[in-house]
Amino acid sequence: MTVADILLLALGAVAVGAGALVVSSTHLVRSGLYLVVSLGAIAGLYLVLGAELVAWVQVLVYVGAVVVLLLFAVMLTRAPIGPSTDLDRPPGPSALIGAGVGLGLAALFVDAFRWIEFPRADPGTAEQVGREVFGTWVLPFEVLSILLLSALVGAIVLSRPDLGARPAPPAAEEGSGEQEAEVPA
């Protein structure tokens, strides 16, 4: 075993463990922080594999933007910070999705070590990837950014009852309209 293999195993264990804590924690803010740990471990995996650009994109986009947006949205909407029983869900759908993802990852693992030969496609170049991202996928990317921005603005508006609220009418004065003198203590 090489040092890279040990690092891959350790970072993979951290990513899987933190991912399990994300979905099993009853604290919403802690779940967000476990997500940061999991995504950071995945960025470390990219670094070990020699994909530095993908690792920094992982850190900047996912850890730096998506998780911060999630945590700000939670804090701005005044969601409960402590343990919440609302976060408990039946395990059936998540187990089904987890099994599907596990099967997909197992197929990739088998293909990576060539235990079974799968038909191969030609690898893409940076030029082809850039052409796809900035040509075909630029509009969905921009639509998604507008959607995330509008969700954040909506969370701010919903969490602040003073925005758009009309001032309360002044209370009607009781009595003859004369002000009562204050009695010194």
N, C-alpha and C. Protein backbone atom coordinates (compact mmCIF):
# COMPACT_ATOMS: atom_id res chain seq x y z
N MET A 1 0.84 -1.19 0.00
CA MET A 1 0.00 0.00 0.00
C MET A 1 0.88 1.24 0.00
N THR A 2 0.51 2.18 -0.84
CA THR A 2 1.26 3.42 -0.91
C THR A 2 0.63 4.48 0.01
N VAL A 3 1.32 5.60 0.14
CA VAL A 3 0.80 6.70 0.94
C VAL A 3 -0.50 7.22 0.33
N ALA A 4 -0.55 7.27 -1.00
CA ALA A 4 -1.77 7.74 -1.68
C ALA A 4 -2.95 6.83 -1.36
N ASP A 5 -2.72 5.52 -1.33
CA ASP A 5 -3.80 4.59 -0.99
C ASP A 5 -4.31 4.82 0.44
N ILE A 6 -3.39 5.03 1.36
CA ILE A 6 -3.78 5.27 2.76
C ILE A 6 -4.56 6.57 2.87
N LEU A 7 -4.09 7.63 2.18
CA LEU A 7 -4.81 8.90 2.19
C LEU A 7 -6.20 8.76 1.58
N LEU A 8 -6.30 8.01 0.49
CA LEU A 8 -7.61 7.80 -0.13
C LEU A 8 -8.56 7.08 0.81
N LEU A 9 -8.08 6.06 1.49
CA LEU A 9 -8.92 5.33 2.44
C LEU A 9 -9.34 6.22 3.61
N ALA A 10 -8.39 6.99 4.15
CA ALA A 10 -8.71 7.84 5.29
C ALA A 10 -9.69 8.94 4.91
N LEU A 11 -9.44 9.62 3.79
CA LEU A 11 -10.35 10.69 3.36
C LEU A 11 -11.71 10.13 2.96
N GLY A 12 -11.72 8.95 2.35
CA GLY A 12 -12.99 8.32 2.01
C GLY A 12 -13.79 7.97 3.25
N ALA A 13 -13.11 7.49 4.29
CA ALA A 13 -13.81 7.16 5.54
C ALA A 13 -14.35 8.42 6.20
N VAL A 14 -13.58 9.51 6.16
CA VAL A 14 -14.05 10.78 6.73
C VAL A 14 -15.27 11.28 5.94
N ALA A 15 -15.21 11.21 4.60
CA ALA A 15 -16.32 11.69 3.77
C ALA A 15 -17.58 10.87 4.01
N VAL A 16 -17.45 9.55 4.08
CA VAL A 16 -18.62 8.70 4.31
C VAL A 16 -19.17 8.88 5.72
N GLY A 17 -18.26 8.95 6.72
CA GLY A 17 -18.71 9.15 8.10
C GLY A 17 -19.41 10.49 8.29
N ALA A 18 -18.85 11.55 7.73
CA ALA A 18 -19.49 12.87 7.84
C ALA A 18 -20.80 12.90 7.06
N GLY A 19 -20.85 12.21 5.93
CA GLY A 19 -22.10 12.13 5.18
C GLY A 19 -23.19 11.41 5.95
N ALA A 20 -22.81 10.37 6.68
CA ALA A 20 -23.79 9.67 7.52
C ALA A 20 -24.27 10.57 8.65
N LEU A 21 -23.35 11.38 9.20
CA LEU A 21 -23.75 12.31 10.25
C LEU A 21 -24.65 13.43 9.72
N VAL A 22 -24.47 13.81 8.47
CA VAL A 22 -25.32 14.85 7.87
C VAL A 22 -26.78 14.40 7.89
N VAL A 23 -27.03 13.17 7.49
CA VAL A 23 -28.42 12.71 7.38
C VAL A 23 -28.97 12.16 8.68
N SER A 24 -28.11 11.90 9.66
CA SER A 24 -28.62 11.32 10.91
C SER A 24 -28.69 12.33 12.06
N SER A 25 -28.12 13.50 11.91
CA SER A 25 -28.11 14.48 12.99
C SER A 25 -29.48 15.16 13.10
N THR A 26 -29.89 15.41 14.34
CA THR A 26 -31.15 16.14 14.55
C THR A 26 -30.91 17.63 14.72
N HIS A 27 -29.66 18.08 14.72
CA HIS A 27 -29.32 19.50 14.78
C HIS A 27 -29.09 19.98 13.36
N LEU A 28 -29.86 20.95 12.92
CA LEU A 28 -29.77 21.42 11.55
C LEU A 28 -28.44 22.10 11.25
N VAL A 29 -27.94 22.91 12.15
CA VAL A 29 -26.67 23.60 11.93
C VAL A 29 -25.52 22.60 11.95
N ARG A 30 -25.58 21.64 12.85
CA ARG A 30 -24.53 20.61 12.87
C ARG A 30 -24.53 19.80 11.58
N SER A 31 -25.70 19.54 11.04
CA SER A 31 -25.76 18.83 9.75
C SER A 31 -25.05 19.63 8.67
N GLY A 32 -25.25 20.95 8.67
CA GLY A 32 -24.55 21.80 7.70
C GLY A 32 -23.05 21.76 7.90
N LEU A 33 -22.60 21.74 9.14
CA LEU A 33 -21.16 21.68 9.39
C LEU A 33 -20.58 20.31 9.04
N TYR A 34 -21.34 19.25 9.28
CA TYR A 34 -20.88 17.92 8.83
C TYR A 34 -20.79 17.87 7.31
N LEU A 35 -21.69 18.59 6.63
CA LEU A 35 -21.63 18.66 5.18
C LEU A 35 -20.35 19.35 4.72
N VAL A 36 -19.92 20.37 5.44
CA VAL A 36 -18.66 21.03 5.13
C VAL A 36 -17.50 20.04 5.25
N VAL A 37 -17.51 19.24 6.32
CA VAL A 37 -16.44 18.25 6.52
C VAL A 37 -16.45 17.22 5.39
N SER A 38 -17.62 16.74 5.03
CA SER A 38 -17.73 15.74 3.98
C SER A 38 -17.25 16.29 2.64
N LEU A 39 -17.69 17.50 2.30
CA LEU A 39 -17.27 18.09 1.02
C LEU A 39 -15.79 18.44 1.04
N GLY A 40 -15.26 18.83 2.19
CA GLY A 40 -13.82 19.07 2.30
C GLY A 40 -13.01 17.80 2.12
N ALA A 41 -13.51 16.70 2.66
CA ALA A 41 -12.80 15.41 2.47
C ALA A 41 -12.83 15.00 1.00
N ILE A 42 -13.93 15.28 0.32
CA ILE A 42 -14.00 14.96 -1.11
C ILE A 42 -13.00 15.82 -1.89
N ALA A 43 -12.85 17.09 -1.50
CA ALA A 43 -11.83 17.93 -2.13
C ALA A 43 -10.44 17.37 -1.88
N GLY A 44 -10.21 16.84 -0.68
CA GLY A 44 -8.93 16.19 -0.39
C GLY A 44 -8.71 14.96 -1.26
N LEU A 45 -9.78 14.21 -1.51
CA LEU A 45 -9.66 13.07 -2.41
C LEU A 45 -9.24 13.51 -3.81
N TYR A 46 -9.83 14.61 -4.29
CA TYR A 46 -9.45 15.12 -5.60
C TYR A 46 -7.98 15.53 -5.63
N LEU A 47 -7.51 16.13 -4.53
CA LEU A 47 -6.10 16.52 -4.47
C LEU A 47 -5.18 15.32 -4.53
N VAL A 48 -5.52 14.27 -3.80
CA VAL A 48 -4.69 13.06 -3.81
C VAL A 48 -4.67 12.43 -5.21
N LEU A 49 -5.80 12.52 -5.90
CA LEU A 49 -5.87 11.93 -7.24
C LEU A 49 -5.22 12.81 -8.31
N GLY A 50 -4.76 14.01 -7.93
CA GLY A 50 -4.06 14.86 -8.87
C GLY A 50 -4.96 15.80 -9.65
N ALA A 51 -6.19 15.98 -9.23
CA ALA A 51 -7.12 16.87 -9.91
C ALA A 51 -7.25 18.15 -9.07
N GLU A 52 -6.21 18.98 -9.11
CA GLU A 52 -6.17 20.16 -8.26
C GLU A 52 -7.27 21.15 -8.62
N LEU A 53 -7.52 21.34 -9.91
CA LEU A 53 -8.55 22.29 -10.32
C LEU A 53 -9.93 21.86 -9.81
N VAL A 54 -10.23 20.59 -9.95
CA VAL A 54 -11.53 20.09 -9.47
C VAL A 54 -11.62 20.22 -7.95
N ALA A 55 -10.50 20.01 -7.25
CA ALA A 55 -10.51 20.14 -5.80
C ALA A 55 -10.81 21.57 -5.38
N TRP A 56 -10.20 22.55 -6.05
CA TRP A 56 -10.45 23.94 -5.67
C TRP A 56 -11.83 24.40 -6.08
N VAL A 57 -12.33 23.87 -7.18
CA VAL A 57 -13.72 24.18 -7.55
C VAL A 57 -14.66 23.60 -6.50
N GLN A 58 -14.36 22.41 -6.03
CA GLN A 58 -15.16 21.78 -4.96
C GLN A 58 -15.17 22.67 -3.72
N VAL A 59 -14.01 23.18 -3.34
CA VAL A 59 -13.92 24.02 -2.14
C VAL A 59 -14.65 25.34 -2.37
N LEU A 60 -14.41 25.98 -3.49
CA LEU A 60 -15.00 27.30 -3.73
C LEU A 60 -16.50 27.24 -3.94
N VAL A 61 -16.95 26.32 -4.80
CA VAL A 61 -18.36 26.29 -5.16
C VAL A 61 -19.19 25.63 -4.08
N TYR A 62 -18.81 24.43 -3.66
CA TYR A 62 -19.66 23.69 -2.73
C TYR A 62 -19.45 24.13 -1.29
N VAL A 63 -18.21 24.09 -0.82
CA VAL A 63 -17.97 24.45 0.58
C VAL A 63 -18.14 25.95 0.76
N GLY A 64 -17.61 26.73 -0.17
CA GLY A 64 -17.63 28.18 0.00
C GLY A 64 -18.96 28.83 -0.31
N ALA A 65 -19.71 28.30 -1.25
CA ALA A 65 -20.94 28.99 -1.66
C ALA A 65 -22.20 28.27 -1.21
N VAL A 66 -22.33 27.01 -1.56
CA VAL A 66 -23.59 26.30 -1.30
C VAL A 66 -23.82 26.12 0.20
N VAL A 67 -22.80 25.70 0.93
CA VAL A 67 -22.98 25.47 2.36
C VAL A 67 -23.18 26.79 3.10
N VAL A 68 -22.45 27.83 2.71
CA VAL A 68 -22.65 29.13 3.33
C VAL A 68 -24.06 29.63 3.06
N LEU A 69 -24.54 29.45 1.83
CA LEU A 69 -25.91 29.83 1.50
C LEU A 69 -26.91 29.05 2.34
N LEU A 70 -26.66 27.76 2.52
CA LEU A 70 -27.53 26.93 3.34
C LEU A 70 -27.55 27.41 4.79
N LEU A 71 -26.38 27.66 5.35
CA LEU A 71 -26.31 28.10 6.75
C LEU A 71 -26.92 29.48 6.94
N PHE A 72 -26.69 30.40 6.00
CA PHE A 72 -27.31 31.72 6.10
C PHE A 72 -28.83 31.61 5.98
N ALA A 73 -29.31 30.77 5.09
CA ALA A 73 -30.76 30.60 4.95
C ALA A 73 -31.36 30.04 6.24
N VAL A 74 -30.67 29.10 6.87
CA VAL A 74 -31.16 28.54 8.13
C VAL A 74 -31.19 29.61 9.21
N MET A 75 -30.14 30.40 9.28
CA MET A 75 -30.07 31.41 10.35
C MET A 75 -31.00 32.59 10.08
N LEU A 76 -31.19 32.95 8.82
CA LEU A 76 -32.07 34.07 8.52
C LEU A 76 -33.54 33.72 8.68
N THR A 77 -33.90 32.47 8.51
CA THR A 77 -35.30 32.09 8.67
C THR A 77 -35.64 31.73 10.11
N ARG A 78 -34.68 31.88 10.97
CA ARG A 78 -34.87 31.59 12.39
C ARG A 78 -35.35 30.16 12.62
N ALA A 79 -34.74 29.24 11.91
CA ALA A 79 -35.05 27.82 12.11
C ALA A 79 -34.50 27.42 13.48
N PRO A 80 -35.06 26.36 14.07
CA PRO A 80 -34.57 25.95 15.38
C PRO A 80 -33.12 25.47 15.29
N ILE A 81 -32.30 25.98 16.19
CA ILE A 81 -30.88 25.64 16.17
C ILE A 81 -30.63 24.33 16.90
N GLY A 82 -31.39 24.05 17.94
CA GLY A 82 -31.18 22.86 18.75
C GLY A 82 -31.75 21.62 18.07
N PRO A 83 -31.84 20.53 18.82
CA PRO A 83 -32.38 19.30 18.24
C PRO A 83 -33.84 19.49 17.85
N SER A 84 -34.19 18.89 16.74
CA SER A 84 -35.55 19.04 16.22
C SER A 84 -36.11 17.67 15.84
N THR A 85 -37.29 17.38 16.33
CA THR A 85 -37.92 16.10 15.98
C THR A 85 -38.51 16.14 14.59
N ASP A 86 -38.59 17.35 13.98
CA ASP A 86 -39.12 17.46 12.62
C ASP A 86 -38.18 16.83 11.60
N LEU A 87 -36.92 16.62 11.96
CA LEU A 87 -35.94 16.11 11.01
C LEU A 87 -35.97 14.60 10.89
N ASP A 88 -36.75 13.92 11.71
CA ASP A 88 -36.84 12.47 11.63
C ASP A 88 -37.75 12.09 10.47
N ARG A 89 -37.27 11.25 9.60
CA ARG A 89 -38.02 10.79 8.45
C ARG A 89 -37.96 9.27 8.40
N PRO A 90 -38.92 8.65 7.72
CA PRO A 90 -38.83 7.18 7.60
C PRO A 90 -37.59 6.80 6.79
N PRO A 91 -36.92 5.72 7.17
CA PRO A 91 -35.66 5.37 6.52
C PRO A 91 -35.82 4.72 5.14
N GLY A 92 -37.02 4.36 4.74
CA GLY A 92 -37.21 3.64 3.48
C GLY A 92 -36.72 4.37 2.25
N PRO A 93 -37.19 5.60 1.97
CA PRO A 93 -36.74 6.29 0.75
C PRO A 93 -35.24 6.56 0.74
N SER A 94 -34.70 6.95 1.89
CA SER A 94 -33.27 7.23 1.91
C SER A 94 -32.45 5.96 1.73
N ALA A 95 -32.94 4.85 2.25
CA ALA A 95 -32.23 3.57 2.06
C ALA A 95 -32.27 3.17 0.58
N LEU A 96 -33.38 3.40 -0.09
CA LEU A 96 -33.50 3.09 -1.52
C LEU A 96 -32.53 3.94 -2.34
N ILE A 97 -32.49 5.24 -2.05
CA ILE A 97 -31.58 6.13 -2.77
C ILE A 97 -30.13 5.76 -2.47
N GLY A 98 -29.83 5.47 -1.20
CA GLY A 98 -28.48 5.07 -0.84
C GLY A 98 -28.06 3.78 -1.52
N ALA A 99 -28.97 2.83 -1.64
CA ALA A 99 -28.65 1.57 -2.33
C ALA A 99 -28.38 1.82 -3.81
N GLY A 100 -29.16 2.71 -4.43
CA GLY A 100 -28.93 3.04 -5.85
C GLY A 100 -27.58 3.70 -6.06
N VAL A 101 -27.25 4.64 -5.19
CA VAL A 101 -25.95 5.32 -5.30
C VAL A 101 -24.83 4.33 -5.03
N GLY A 102 -25.02 3.44 -4.05
CA GLY A 102 -24.01 2.43 -3.76
C GLY A 102 -23.77 1.49 -4.93
N LEU A 103 -24.84 1.09 -5.61
CA LEU A 103 -24.68 0.24 -6.79
C LEU A 103 -23.94 0.97 -7.91
N GLY A 104 -24.27 2.24 -8.10
CA GLY A 104 -23.56 3.02 -9.11
C GLY A 104 -22.08 3.15 -8.78
N LEU A 105 -21.76 3.40 -7.52
CA LEU A 105 -20.36 3.50 -7.12
C LEU A 105 -19.65 2.15 -7.22
N ALA A 106 -20.37 1.07 -6.92
CA ALA A 106 -19.77 -0.26 -7.07
C ALA A 106 -19.45 -0.54 -8.54
N ALA A 107 -20.33 -0.14 -9.45
CA ALA A 107 -20.06 -0.32 -10.88
C ALA A 107 -18.84 0.48 -11.30
N LEU A 108 -18.70 1.71 -10.79
CA LEU A 108 -17.51 2.50 -11.10
C LEU A 108 -16.25 1.87 -10.53
N PHE A 109 -16.35 1.30 -9.35
CA PHE A 109 -15.21 0.64 -8.71
C PHE A 109 -14.76 -0.58 -9.52
N VAL A 110 -15.74 -1.37 -9.96
CA VAL A 110 -15.43 -2.54 -10.77
C VAL A 110 -14.79 -2.12 -12.09
N ASP A 111 -15.31 -1.05 -12.69
CA ASP A 111 -14.77 -0.57 -13.95
C ASP A 111 -13.37 0.01 -13.77
N ALA A 112 -13.12 0.68 -12.65
CA ALA A 112 -11.82 1.31 -12.42
C ALA A 112 -10.72 0.27 -12.29
N PHE A 113 -11.01 -0.86 -11.69
CA PHE A 113 -10.00 -1.90 -11.52
C PHE A 113 -10.05 -2.97 -12.60
N ARG A 114 -10.89 -2.77 -13.59
CA ARG A 114 -10.97 -3.63 -14.78
C ARG A 114 -11.28 -5.09 -14.43
N TRP A 115 -12.13 -5.30 -13.41
CA TRP A 115 -12.53 -6.66 -13.09
C TRP A 115 -13.48 -7.18 -14.15
N ILE A 116 -14.26 -6.29 -14.72
CA ILE A 116 -15.16 -6.63 -15.82
C ILE A 116 -14.94 -5.56 -16.88
N GLU A 117 -14.82 -5.96 -18.12
CA GLU A 117 -14.59 -4.99 -19.19
C GLU A 117 -15.91 -4.37 -19.64
N PHE A 118 -15.97 -3.05 -19.55
CA PHE A 118 -17.11 -2.30 -20.05
C PHE A 118 -16.68 -1.59 -21.34
N PRO A 119 -17.63 -1.32 -22.23
CA PRO A 119 -17.24 -0.54 -23.41
C PRO A 119 -16.81 0.87 -23.00
N ARG A 120 -15.78 1.37 -23.63
CA ARG A 120 -15.21 2.66 -23.24
C ARG A 120 -15.50 3.73 -24.29
N ALA A 121 -15.69 4.94 -23.79
CA ALA A 121 -15.82 6.11 -24.66
C ALA A 121 -14.48 6.83 -24.69
N ASP A 122 -14.28 7.63 -25.69
CA ASP A 122 -13.04 8.39 -25.77
C ASP A 122 -13.03 9.44 -24.66
N PRO A 123 -11.88 9.63 -24.01
CA PRO A 123 -11.83 10.63 -22.95
C PRO A 123 -11.96 12.04 -23.53
N GLY A 124 -12.56 12.92 -22.76
CA GLY A 124 -12.74 14.30 -23.22
C GLY A 124 -11.51 15.14 -22.94
N THR A 125 -11.39 16.21 -23.67
CA THR A 125 -10.30 17.15 -23.45
C THR A 125 -10.85 18.37 -22.74
N ALA A 126 -9.95 19.21 -22.27
CA ALA A 126 -10.37 20.44 -21.59
C ALA A 126 -11.15 21.34 -22.54
N GLU A 127 -10.77 21.33 -23.81
CA GLU A 127 -11.48 22.14 -24.80
C GLU A 127 -12.91 21.66 -24.98
N GLN A 128 -13.10 20.35 -25.04
CA GLN A 128 -14.46 19.81 -25.19
C GLN A 128 -15.31 20.10 -23.95
N VAL A 129 -14.72 19.94 -22.77
CA VAL A 129 -15.46 20.22 -21.54
C VAL A 129 -15.83 21.70 -21.49
N GLY A 130 -14.89 22.59 -21.82
CA GLY A 130 -15.17 24.02 -21.83
C GLY A 130 -16.25 24.39 -22.83
N ARG A 131 -16.22 23.77 -24.00
CA ARG A 131 -17.24 24.04 -25.02
C ARG A 131 -18.62 23.62 -24.51
N GLU A 132 -18.70 22.49 -23.82
CA GLU A 132 -19.99 22.03 -23.29
C GLU A 132 -20.48 22.93 -22.15
N VAL A 133 -19.56 23.25 -21.21
CA VAL A 133 -19.98 24.04 -20.05
C VAL A 133 -20.38 25.44 -20.46
N PHE A 134 -19.59 26.10 -21.31
CA PHE A 134 -19.87 27.48 -21.66
C PHE A 134 -20.73 27.61 -22.91
N GLY A 135 -21.08 26.50 -23.51
CA GLY A 135 -21.97 26.54 -24.68
C GLY A 135 -23.33 25.97 -24.34
N THR A 136 -23.38 24.66 -24.14
CA THR A 136 -24.65 23.97 -23.92
C THR A 136 -25.23 24.24 -22.55
N TRP A 137 -24.40 24.27 -21.51
CA TRP A 137 -24.90 24.31 -20.13
C TRP A 137 -24.86 25.68 -19.48
N VAL A 138 -24.55 26.73 -20.22
CA VAL A 138 -24.45 28.05 -19.59
C VAL A 138 -25.82 28.58 -19.17
N LEU A 139 -26.86 28.35 -19.96
CA LEU A 139 -28.19 28.84 -19.59
C LEU A 139 -28.75 28.14 -18.35
N PRO A 140 -28.69 26.79 -18.26
CA PRO A 140 -29.16 26.17 -17.01
C PRO A 140 -28.36 26.63 -15.78
N PHE A 141 -27.07 26.87 -15.94
CA PHE A 141 -26.25 27.34 -14.83
C PHE A 141 -26.71 28.72 -14.36
N GLU A 142 -26.98 29.61 -15.29
CA GLU A 142 -27.44 30.95 -14.93
C GLU A 142 -28.84 30.93 -14.33
N VAL A 143 -29.71 30.08 -14.85
CA VAL A 143 -31.06 29.95 -14.29
C VAL A 143 -30.98 29.45 -12.85
N LEU A 144 -30.09 28.49 -12.60
CA LEU A 144 -29.91 27.98 -11.24
C LEU A 144 -29.38 29.07 -10.31
N SER A 145 -28.47 29.90 -10.79
CA SER A 145 -27.95 30.97 -9.93
C SER A 145 -29.05 31.97 -9.60
N ILE A 146 -29.93 32.29 -10.54
CA ILE A 146 -31.05 33.20 -10.27
C ILE A 146 -32.02 32.55 -9.28
N LEU A 147 -32.25 31.25 -9.42
CA LEU A 147 -33.13 30.54 -8.49
C LEU A 147 -32.58 30.58 -7.07
N LEU A 148 -31.29 30.33 -6.91
CA LEU A 148 -30.68 30.37 -5.58
C LEU A 148 -30.73 31.78 -4.99
N LEU A 149 -30.49 32.78 -5.81
CA LEU A 149 -30.56 34.16 -5.33
C LEU A 149 -31.97 34.53 -4.89
N SER A 150 -32.96 34.14 -5.68
CA SER A 150 -34.34 34.47 -5.31
C SER A 150 -34.77 33.70 -4.06
N ALA A 151 -34.27 32.48 -3.88
CA ALA A 151 -34.58 31.73 -2.65
C ALA A 151 -33.99 32.43 -1.43
N LEU A 152 -32.78 32.96 -1.54
CA LEU A 152 -32.17 33.67 -0.43
C LEU A 152 -32.93 34.95 -0.12
N VAL A 153 -33.31 35.72 -1.15
CA VAL A 153 -34.08 36.94 -0.92
C VAL A 153 -35.43 36.59 -0.30
N GLY A 154 -36.08 35.54 -0.77
CA GLY A 154 -37.35 35.11 -0.21
C GLY A 154 -37.22 34.70 1.25
N ALA A 155 -36.13 34.04 1.60
CA ALA A 155 -35.91 33.65 3.00
C ALA A 155 -35.74 34.88 3.88
N ILE A 156 -35.05 35.87 3.36
CA ILE A 156 -34.87 37.10 4.14
C ILE A 156 -36.20 37.80 4.34
N VAL A 157 -37.00 37.89 3.28
CA VAL A 157 -38.29 38.57 3.39
C VAL A 157 -39.22 37.82 4.35
N LEU A 158 -39.24 36.50 4.28
CA LEU A 158 -40.11 35.74 5.16
C LEU A 158 -39.66 35.78 6.62
N SER A 159 -38.37 35.92 6.84
CA SER A 159 -37.88 35.90 8.22
C SER A 159 -37.98 37.25 8.91
N ARG A 160 -38.18 38.29 8.16
CA ARG A 160 -38.26 39.62 8.76
C ARG A 160 -39.67 40.15 8.65
N PRO A 161 -40.45 40.04 9.72
CA PRO A 161 -41.83 40.50 9.66
C PRO A 161 -41.96 42.01 9.53
N ASP A 162 -40.89 42.75 9.84
CA ASP A 162 -40.97 44.20 9.75
C ASP A 162 -40.87 44.71 8.31
N LEU A 163 -40.41 43.89 7.37
CA LEU A 163 -40.34 44.31 5.97
C LEU A 163 -41.74 44.27 5.36
N GLY A 164 -42.19 45.39 4.87
CA GLY A 164 -43.49 45.45 4.22
C GLY A 164 -44.66 45.55 5.17
N ALA A 165 -44.41 45.57 6.47
CA ALA A 165 -45.50 45.65 7.43
C ALA A 165 -45.95 47.10 7.56
N ARG A 166 -47.22 47.28 7.75
CA ARG A 166 -47.78 48.63 7.95
C ARG A 166 -47.66 48.99 9.42
N PRO A 167 -47.40 50.26 9.69
CA PRO A 167 -47.31 50.64 11.10
C PRO A 167 -48.66 50.51 11.79
N ALA A 168 -48.62 50.16 13.06
CA ALA A 168 -49.86 50.00 13.83
C ALA A 168 -50.48 51.37 14.07
N PRO A 169 -51.81 51.46 14.02
CA PRO A 169 -52.45 52.75 14.28
C PRO A 169 -52.22 53.16 15.73
N PRO A 170 -52.13 54.48 15.98
CA PRO A 170 -51.90 54.91 17.37
C PRO A 170 -53.08 54.53 18.24
N ALA A 171 -52.78 54.18 19.47
CA ALA A 171 -53.83 53.77 20.40
C ALA A 171 -54.67 54.98 20.78
N ALA A 172 -55.98 54.80 20.92
CA ALA A 172 -56.88 55.89 21.31
C ALA A 172 -56.62 56.26 22.76
N GLU A 173 -56.54 57.54 23.01
CA GLU A 173 -56.27 57.99 24.38
C GLU A 173 -57.53 57.87 25.21
N GLU A 174 -57.37 57.44 26.43
CA GLU A 174 -58.50 57.29 27.33
C GLU A 174 -58.61 58.52 28.23
N GLY A 175 -59.77 58.76 28.70
CA GLY A 175 -59.99 59.87 29.64
C GLY A 175 -60.35 61.15 28.91
N SER A 176 -60.14 62.28 29.58
CA SER A 176 -60.56 63.56 29.04
C SER A 176 -59.53 64.20 28.14
N GLY A 177 -58.44 63.50 27.91
CA GLY A 177 -57.43 64.06 27.03
C GLY A 177 -56.36 64.80 27.81
N GLU A 178 -56.55 65.04 29.11
CA GLU A 178 -55.54 65.71 29.91
C GLU A 178 -54.49 64.69 30.32
N GLN A 179 -53.26 65.13 30.33
CA GLN A 179 -52.20 64.23 30.75
C GLN A 179 -52.11 64.24 32.25
N GLU A 180 -51.89 63.05 32.78
CA GLU A 180 -51.78 62.93 34.22
C GLU A 180 -50.38 63.32 34.65
N ALA A 181 -50.31 63.98 35.76
CA ALA A 181 -49.00 64.37 36.27
C ALA A 181 -48.34 63.16 36.91
N GLU A 182 -47.01 63.08 36.69
CA GLU A 182 -46.26 61.99 37.28
C GLU A 182 -46.00 62.29 38.75
N VAL A 183 -46.13 61.30 39.56
CA VAL A 183 -45.90 61.45 40.98
C VAL A 183 -44.46 61.06 41.26
N PRO A 184 -43.66 61.97 41.89
CA PRO A 184 -42.27 61.59 42.18
C PRO A 184 -42.22 60.48 43.22
N ALA A 185 -41.22 59.61 43.03
CA ALA A 185 -41.10 58.47 43.93
C ALA A 185 -40.39 58.81 45.19
